[in-house]
Amino acid sequence: MAIGDGLRYLEPWSSDEDGIFVQSDEAHFWLNGYVNKQNCRIWSEANPQVYVETPLHPEKLTVWCALWAGGILLQKR
């Protein structure tokens, strides 16, 4: 489910005055300790010549959440 799918999921409430959409977001959690290299950089003057093999597609959990006036919608993938 993409974020756009989540917005379609909220459409039935869009005509309801009590169901005002407020905010949604999606986060990915890698289960093998993988850290996004764009968020973690280590600078050094020496080239350590060390290679660390990582899986091409590590296992991860994706969580989508939306907050609205009627509560919280949560989906795990």
PDB file of N, CA and C in Angstrom:
ATOM      1  N   MET A   1       0.848  -1.178   0.000  1.00  0.00           N
ATOM      2  CA  MET A   1       0.000   0.000   0.000  1.00  0.00           C
ATOM      3  C   MET A   1       0.888   1.234   0.000  1.00  0.00           C
ATOM      4  N   ALA A   2       0.706   2.077  -0.965  1.00  0.00           N
ATOM      5  CA  ALA A   2       1.440   3.336  -1.028  1.00  0.00           C
ATOM      6  C   ALA A   2       0.693   4.393  -0.225  1.00  0.00           C
ATOM      7  N   ILE A   3       1.337   5.529  -0.001  1.00  0.00           N
ATOM      8  CA  ILE A   3       0.688   6.597   0.758  1.00  0.00           C
ATOM      9  C   ILE A   3      -0.601   7.022   0.076  1.00  0.00           C
ATOM     10  N   GLY A   4      -0.609   7.079  -1.250  1.00  0.00           N
ATOM     11  CA  GLY A   4      -1.824   7.436  -1.973  1.00  0.00           C
ATOM     12  C   GLY A   4      -2.956   6.466  -1.695  1.00  0.00           C
ATOM     13  N   ASP A   5      -2.620   5.162  -1.522  1.00  0.00           N
ATOM     14  CA  ASP A   5      -3.639   4.176  -1.186  1.00  0.00           C
ATOM     15  C   ASP A   5      -4.237   4.479   0.178  1.00  0.00           C
ATOM     16  N   GLY A   6      -3.403   4.917   1.107  1.00  0.00           N
ATOM     17  CA  GLY A   6      -3.907   5.273   2.431  1.00  0.00           C
ATOM     18  C   GLY A   6      -4.863   6.444   2.372  1.00  0.00           C
ATOM     19  N   LEU A   7      -4.585   7.405   1.502  1.00  0.00           N
ATOM     20  CA  LEU A   7      -5.489   8.541   1.366  1.00  0.00           C
ATOM     21  C   LEU A   7      -6.817   8.093   0.787  1.00  0.00           C
ATOM     22  N   ARG A   8      -6.798   7.130  -0.166  1.00  0.00           N
ATOM     23  CA  ARG A   8      -8.055   6.602  -0.699  1.00  0.00           C
ATOM     24  C   ARG A   8      -8.815   5.872   0.395  1.00  0.00           C
ATOM     25  N   TYR A   9      -8.088   5.222   1.331  1.00  0.00           N
ATOM     26  CA  TYR A   9      -8.699   4.510   2.438  1.00  0.00           C
ATOM     27  C   TYR A   9      -9.494   5.470   3.324  1.00  0.00           C
ATOM     28  N   LEU A  10      -9.064   6.730   3.399  1.00  0.00           N
ATOM     29  CA  LEU A  10      -9.740   7.722   4.231  1.00  0.00           C
ATOM     30  C   LEU A  10     -10.907   8.400   3.522  1.00  0.00           C
ATOM     31  N   GLU A  11     -11.060   8.195   2.200  1.00  0.00           N
ATOM     32  CA  GLU A  11     -12.108   8.885   1.452  1.00  0.00           C
ATOM     33  C   GLU A  11     -13.508   8.707   2.028  1.00  0.00           C
ATOM     34  N   PRO A  12     -13.908   7.483   2.500  1.00  0.00           N
ATOM     35  CA  PRO A  12     -15.272   7.359   3.029  1.00  0.00           C
ATOM     36  C   PRO A  12     -15.573   8.331   4.166  1.00  0.00           C
ATOM     37  N   TRP A  13     -14.542   8.757   4.911  1.00  0.00           N
ATOM     38  CA  TRP A  13     -14.761   9.678   6.021  1.00  0.00           C
ATOM     39  C   TRP A  13     -14.686  11.142   5.602  1.00  0.00           C
ATOM     40  N   SER A  14     -14.280  11.403   4.366  1.00  0.00           N
ATOM     41  CA  SER A  14     -14.058  12.790   3.962  1.00  0.00           C
ATOM     42  C   SER A  14     -15.345  13.608   3.962  1.00  0.00           C
ATOM     43  N   SER A  15     -16.510  12.959   3.798  1.00  0.00           N
ATOM     44  CA  SER A  15     -17.769  13.702   3.810  1.00  0.00           C
ATOM     45  C   SER A  15     -18.332  13.820   5.218  1.00  0.00           C
ATOM     46  N   ASP A  16     -17.780  13.078   6.162  1.00  0.00           N
ATOM     47  CA  ASP A  16     -18.238  13.102   7.548  1.00  0.00           C
ATOM     48  C   ASP A  16     -17.564  14.261   8.281  1.00  0.00           C
ATOM     49  N   GLU A  17     -18.345  15.116   8.929  1.00  0.00           N
ATOM     50  CA  GLU A  17     -17.776  16.285   9.618  1.00  0.00           C
ATOM     51  C   GLU A  17     -16.859  15.878  10.763  1.00  0.00           C
ATOM     52  N   ASP A  18     -17.121  14.718  11.395  1.00  0.00           N
ATOM     53  CA  ASP A  18     -16.286  14.283  12.513  1.00  0.00           C
ATOM     54  C   ASP A  18     -14.983  13.640  12.041  1.00  0.00           C
ATOM     55  N   GLY A  19     -14.897  13.250  10.783  1.00  0.00           N
ATOM     56  CA  GLY A  19     -13.728  12.541  10.277  1.00  0.00           C
ATOM     57  C   GLY A  19     -12.815  13.441   9.483  1.00  0.00           C
ATOM     58  N   ILE A  20     -12.187  14.396  10.122  1.00  0.00           N
ATOM     59  CA  ILE A  20     -11.298  15.321   9.429  1.00  0.00           C
ATOM     60  C   ILE A  20      -9.890  14.735   9.416  1.00  0.00           C
ATOM     61  N   PHE A  21      -9.329  14.553   8.213  1.00  0.00           N
ATOM     62  CA  PHE A  21      -7.977  14.022   8.056  1.00  0.00           C
ATOM     63  C   PHE A  21      -6.967  15.056   8.528  1.00  0.00           C
ATOM     64  N   VAL A  22      -6.012  14.631   9.342  1.00  0.00           N
ATOM     65  CA  VAL A  22      -5.035  15.554   9.896  1.00  0.00           C
ATOM     66  C   VAL A  22      -3.631  15.314   9.334  1.00  0.00           C
ATOM     67  N   GLN A  23      -3.076  14.103   9.478  1.00  0.00           N
ATOM     68  CA  GLN A  23      -1.672  13.855   9.126  1.00  0.00           C
ATOM     69  C   GLN A  23      -1.457  12.372   8.864  1.00  0.00           C
ATOM     70  N   SER A  24      -0.557  12.034   7.922  1.00  0.00           N
ATOM     71  CA  SER A  24      -0.157  10.635   7.730  1.00  0.00           C
ATOM     72  C   SER A  24       1.343  10.578   7.458  1.00  0.00           C
ATOM     73  N   ASP A  25       1.935   9.404   7.730  1.00  0.00           N
ATOM     74  CA  ASP A  25       3.362   9.218   7.471  1.00  0.00           C
ATOM     75  C   ASP A  25       3.647   7.729   7.329  1.00  0.00           C
ATOM     76  N   GLU A  26       4.813   7.411   6.773  1.00  0.00           N
ATOM     77  CA  GLU A  26       5.234   6.036   6.566  1.00  0.00           C
ATOM     78  C   GLU A  26       6.687   5.928   6.999  1.00  0.00           C
ATOM     79  N   ALA A  27       7.024   4.837   7.699  1.00  0.00           N
ATOM     80  CA  ALA A  27       8.403   4.630   8.152  1.00  0.00           C
ATOM     81  C   ALA A  27       8.822   3.195   7.863  1.00  0.00           C
ATOM     82  N   HIS A  28      10.120   2.997   7.595  1.00  0.00           N
ATOM     83  CA  HIS A  28      10.676   1.669   7.330  1.00  0.00           C
ATOM     84  C   HIS A  28      11.661   1.331   8.444  1.00  0.00           C
ATOM     85  N   PHE A  29      11.523   0.135   9.014  1.00  0.00           N
ATOM     86  CA  PHE A  29      12.423  -0.337  10.061  1.00  0.00           C
ATOM     87  C   PHE A  29      13.112  -1.602   9.554  1.00  0.00           C
ATOM     88  N   TRP A  30      14.449  -1.556   9.390  1.00  0.00           N
ATOM     89  CA  TRP A  30      15.197  -2.720   8.932  1.00  0.00           C
ATOM     90  C   TRP A  30      15.443  -3.635  10.117  1.00  0.00           C
ATOM     91  N   LEU A  31      15.194  -4.935   9.937  1.00  0.00           N
ATOM     92  CA  LEU A  31      15.258  -5.901  11.029  1.00  0.00           C
ATOM     93  C   LEU A  31      16.650  -6.497  11.235  1.00  0.00           C
ATOM     94  N   ASN A  32      17.618  -6.161  10.381  1.00  0.00           N
ATOM     95  CA  ASN A  32      18.968  -6.717  10.522  1.00  0.00           C
ATOM     96  C   ASN A  32      19.982  -5.683  11.004  1.00  0.00           C
ATOM     97  N   GLY A  33      19.530  -4.539  11.513  1.00  0.00           N
ATOM     98  CA  GLY A  33      20.433  -3.510  12.001  1.00  0.00           C
ATOM     99  C   GLY A  33      20.939  -2.564  10.939  1.00  0.00           C
ATOM    100  N   TYR A  34      20.444  -2.701   9.707  1.00  0.00           N
ATOM    101  CA  TYR A  34      20.857  -1.836   8.598  1.00  0.00           C
ATOM    102  C   TYR A  34      20.531  -0.377   8.914  1.00  0.00           C
ATOM    103  N   VAL A  35      21.454   0.510   8.591  1.00  0.00           N
ATOM    104  CA  VAL A  35      21.247   1.941   8.777  1.00  0.00           C
ATOM    105  C   VAL A  35      21.388   2.609   7.417  1.00  0.00           C
ATOM    106  N   ASN A  36      20.464   3.490   7.076  1.00  0.00           N
ATOM    107  CA  ASN A  36      20.531   4.216   5.813  1.00  0.00           C
ATOM    108  C   ASN A  36      21.825   5.016   5.784  1.00  0.00           C
ATOM    109  N   LYS A  37      22.679   4.768   4.796  1.00  0.00           N
ATOM    110  CA  LYS A  37      23.986   5.425   4.750  1.00  0.00           C
ATOM    111  C   LYS A  37      23.888   6.931   4.529  1.00  0.00           C
ATOM    112  N   GLN A  38      22.768   7.408   4.034  1.00  0.00           N
ATOM    113  CA  GLN A  38      22.593   8.849   3.875  1.00  0.00           C
ATOM    114  C   GLN A  38      22.442   9.529   5.234  1.00  0.00           C
ATOM    115  N   ASN A  39      22.023   8.758   6.251  1.00  0.00           N
ATOM    116  CA  ASN A  39      21.837   9.317   7.588  1.00  0.00           C
ATOM    117  C   ASN A  39      23.024   9.037   8.503  1.00  0.00           C
ATOM    118  N   CYS A  40      23.980   8.252   8.042  1.00  0.00           N
ATOM    119  CA  CYS A  40      25.116   7.875   8.885  1.00  0.00           C
ATOM    120  C   CYS A  40      26.389   7.897   8.044  1.00  0.00           C
ATOM    121  N   ARG A  41      27.234   8.892   8.218  1.00  0.00           N
ATOM    122  CA  ARG A  41      28.489   8.994   7.464  1.00  0.00           C
ATOM    123  C   ARG A  41      29.657   9.074   8.443  1.00  0.00           C
ATOM    124  N   ILE A  42      30.707   8.326   8.127  1.00  0.00           N
ATOM    125  CA  ILE A  42      31.918   8.349   8.946  1.00  0.00           C
ATOM    126  C   ILE A  42      33.052   8.846   8.056  1.00  0.00           C
ATOM    127  N   TRP A  43      33.698   9.928   8.470  1.00  0.00           N
ATOM    128  CA  TRP A  43      34.773  10.524   7.673  1.00  0.00           C
ATOM    129  C   TRP A  43      36.121  10.155   8.274  1.00  0.00           C
ATOM    130  N   SER A  44      37.078   9.807   7.408  1.00  0.00           N
ATOM    131  CA  SER A  44      38.421   9.462   7.860  1.00  0.00           C
ATOM    132  C   SER A  44      39.413   9.826   6.761  1.00  0.00           C
ATOM    133  N   GLU A  45      40.630  10.200   7.145  1.00  0.00           N
ATOM    134  CA  GLU A  45      41.662  10.506   6.157  1.00  0.00           C
ATOM    135  C   GLU A  45      42.251   9.233   5.560  1.00  0.00           C
ATOM    136  N   ALA A  46      42.203   8.120   6.281  1.00  0.00           N
ATOM    137  CA  ALA A  46      42.772   6.858   5.803  1.00  0.00           C
ATOM    138  C   ALA A  46      41.684   6.007   5.152  1.00  0.00           C
ATOM    139  N   ASN A  47      42.046   5.289   4.093  1.00  0.00           N
ATOM    140  CA  ASN A  47      41.141   4.355   3.441  1.00  0.00           C
ATOM    141  C   ASN A  47      41.353   2.983   4.080  1.00  0.00           C
ATOM    142  N   PRO A  48      40.410   2.478   4.864  1.00  0.00           N
ATOM    143  CA  PRO A  48      40.636   1.244   5.615  1.00  0.00           C
ATOM    144  C   PRO A  48      40.626  -0.027   4.758  1.00  0.00           C
ATOM    145  N   GLN A  49      40.197   0.038   3.492  1.00  0.00           N
ATOM    146  CA  GLN A  49      40.124  -1.132   2.615  1.00  0.00           C
ATOM    147  C   GLN A  49      39.332  -2.270   3.253  1.00  0.00           C
ATOM    148  N   VAL A  50      38.246  -1.927   3.912  1.00  0.00           N
ATOM    149  CA  VAL A  50      37.391  -2.924   4.553  1.00  0.00           C
ATOM    150  C   VAL A  50      36.061  -2.953   3.815  1.00  0.00           C
ATOM    151  N   TYR A  51      35.603  -4.161   3.518  1.00  0.00           N
ATOM    152  CA  TYR A  51      34.313  -4.317   2.854  1.00  0.00           C
ATOM    153  C   TYR A  51      33.360  -5.045   3.790  1.00  0.00           C
ATOM    154  N   VAL A  52      32.161  -4.543   3.917  1.00  0.00           N
ATOM    155  CA  VAL A  52      31.137  -5.183   4.734  1.00  0.00           C
ATOM    156  C   VAL A  52      30.001  -5.574   3.803  1.00  0.00           C
ATOM    157  N   GLU A  53      29.773  -6.898   3.683  1.00  0.00           N
ATOM    158  CA  GLU A  53      28.711  -7.363   2.803  1.00  0.00           C
ATOM    159  C   GLU A  53      27.362  -7.203   3.496  1.00  0.00           C
ATOM    160  N   THR A  54      26.413  -6.682   2.760  1.00  0.00           N
ATOM    161  CA  THR A  54      25.046  -6.551   3.268  1.00  0.00           C
ATOM    162  C   THR A  54      24.103  -7.148   2.235  1.00  0.00           C
ATOM    163  N   PRO A  55      22.978  -7.695   2.676  1.00  0.00           N
ATOM    164  CA  PRO A  55      22.027  -8.268   1.729  1.00  0.00           C
ATOM    165  C   PRO A  55      21.474  -7.197   0.790  1.00  0.00           C
ATOM    166  N   LEU A  56      21.158  -7.604  -0.435  1.00  0.00           N
ATOM    167  CA  LEU A  56      20.629  -6.662  -1.407  1.00  0.00           C
ATOM    168  C   LEU A  56      19.275  -6.118  -0.964  1.00  0.00           C
ATOM    169  N   HIS A  57      18.435  -6.985  -0.431  1.00  0.00           N
ATOM    170  CA  HIS A  57      17.100  -6.578   0.028  1.00  0.00           C
ATOM    171  C   HIS A  57      16.906  -7.062   1.462  1.00  0.00           C
ATOM    172  N   PRO A  58      17.384  -6.311   2.455  1.00  0.00           N
ATOM    173  CA  PRO A  58      17.246  -6.756   3.841  1.00  0.00           C
ATOM    174  C   PRO A  58      15.776  -6.774   4.271  1.00  0.00           C
ATOM    175  N   GLU A  59      15.487  -7.644   5.245  1.00  0.00           N
ATOM    176  CA  GLU A  59      14.128  -7.713   5.778  1.00  0.00           C
ATOM    177  C   GLU A  59      13.800  -6.398   6.468  1.00  0.00           C
ATOM    178  N   LYS A  60      12.594  -5.914   6.229  1.00  0.00           N
ATOM    179  CA  LYS A  60      12.191  -4.670   6.874  1.00  0.00           C
ATOM    180  C   LYS A  60      10.702  -4.702   7.169  1.00  0.00           C
ATOM    181  N   LEU A  61      10.300  -3.849   8.067  1.00  0.00           N
ATOM    182  CA  LEU A  61       8.905  -3.679   8.435  1.00  0.00           C
ATOM    183  C   LEU A  61       8.522  -2.253   8.072  1.00  0.00           C
ATOM    184  N   THR A  62       7.440  -2.094   7.330  1.00  0.00           N
ATOM    185  CA  THR A  62       6.956  -0.772   6.954  1.00  0.00           C
ATOM    186  C   THR A  62       5.691  -0.484   7.746  1.00  0.00           C
ATOM    187  N   VAL A  63       5.644   0.686   8.358  1.00  0.00           N
ATOM    188  CA  VAL A  63       4.485   1.086   9.155  1.00  0.00           C
ATOM    189  C   VAL A  63       3.918   2.368   8.569  1.00  0.00           C
ATOM    190  N   TRP A  64       2.608   2.372   8.326  1.00  0.00           N
ATOM    191  CA  TRP A  64       1.905   3.561   7.832  1.00  0.00           C
ATOM    192  C   TRP A  64       0.901   3.955   8.901  1.00  0.00           C
ATOM    193  N   CYS A  65       0.853   5.228   9.232  1.00  0.00           N
ATOM    194  CA  CYS A  65      -0.024   5.711  10.292  1.00  0.00           C
ATOM    195  C   CYS A  65      -0.678   7.012   9.860  1.00  0.00           C
ATOM    196  N   ALA A  66      -1.942   7.179  10.214  1.00  0.00           N
ATOM    197  CA  ALA A  66      -2.650   8.428   9.939  1.00  0.00           C
ATOM    198  C   ALA A  66      -3.379   8.866  11.200  1.00  0.00           C
ATOM    199  N   LEU A  67      -3.319  10.142  11.492  1.00  0.00           N
ATOM    200  CA  LEU A  67      -4.039  10.728  12.624  1.00  0.00           C
ATOM    201  C   LEU A  67      -5.202  11.534  12.078  1.00  0.00           C
ATOM    202  N   TRP A  68      -6.371  11.374  12.660  1.00  0.00           N
ATOM    203  CA  TRP A  68      -7.532  12.157  12.263  1.00  0.00           C
ATOM    204  C   TRP A  68      -8.384  12.388  13.497  1.00  0.00           C
ATOM    205  N   ALA A  69      -9.427  13.163  13.377  1.00  0.00           N
ATOM    206  CA  ALA A  69     -10.234  13.553  14.530  1.00  0.00           C
ATOM    207  C   ALA A  69     -10.863  12.350  15.227  1.00  0.00           C
ATOM    208  N   GLY A  70     -11.099  11.252  14.506  1.00  0.00           N
ATOM    209  CA  GLY A  70     -11.729  10.068  15.090  1.00  0.00           C
ATOM    210  C   GLY A  70     -10.756   9.080  15.696  1.00  0.00           C
ATOM    211  N   GLY A  71      -9.455   9.308  15.592  1.00  0.00           N
ATOM    212  CA  GLY A  71      -8.489   8.394  16.180  1.00  0.00           C
ATOM    213  C   GLY A  71      -7.245   8.217  15.331  1.00  0.00           C
ATOM    214  N   ILE A  72      -6.663   7.018  15.420  1.00  0.00           N
ATOM    215  CA  ILE A  72      -5.421   6.694  14.728  1.00  0.00           C
ATOM    216  C   ILE A  72      -5.651   5.469  13.850  1.00  0.00           C
ATOM    217  N   LEU A  73      -5.202   5.536  12.604  1.00  0.00           N
ATOM    218  CA  LEU A  73      -5.211   4.387  11.700  1.00  0.00           C
ATOM    219  C   LEU A  73      -3.778   3.907  11.580  1.00  0.00           C
ATOM    220  N   LEU A  74      -3.556   2.594  11.735  1.00  0.00           N
ATOM    221  CA  LEU A  74      -2.208   2.042  11.701  1.00  0.00           C
ATOM    222  C   LEU A  74      -2.206   0.801  10.827  1.00  0.00           C
ATOM    223  N   GLN A  75      -1.211   0.688   9.949  1.00  0.00           N
ATOM    224  CA  GLN A  75      -1.077  -0.498   9.120  1.00  0.00           C
ATOM    225  C   GLN A  75       0.374  -0.916   9.079  1.00  0.00           C
ATOM    226  N   LYS A  76       0.633  -2.230   9.302  1.00  0.00           N
ATOM    227  CA  LYS A  76       1.987  -2.789   9.216  1.00  0.00           C
ATOM    228  C   LYS A  76       2.067  -3.620   7.948  1.00  0.00           C
ATOM    229  N   ARG A  77       3.221  -3.538   7.253  1.00  0.00           N
ATOM    230  CA  ARG A  77       3.443  -4.364   6.057  1.00  0.00           C
ATOM    231  C   ARG A  77       4.772  -5.041   6.166  1.00  0.00           C
TER     232      ARG A  77
END
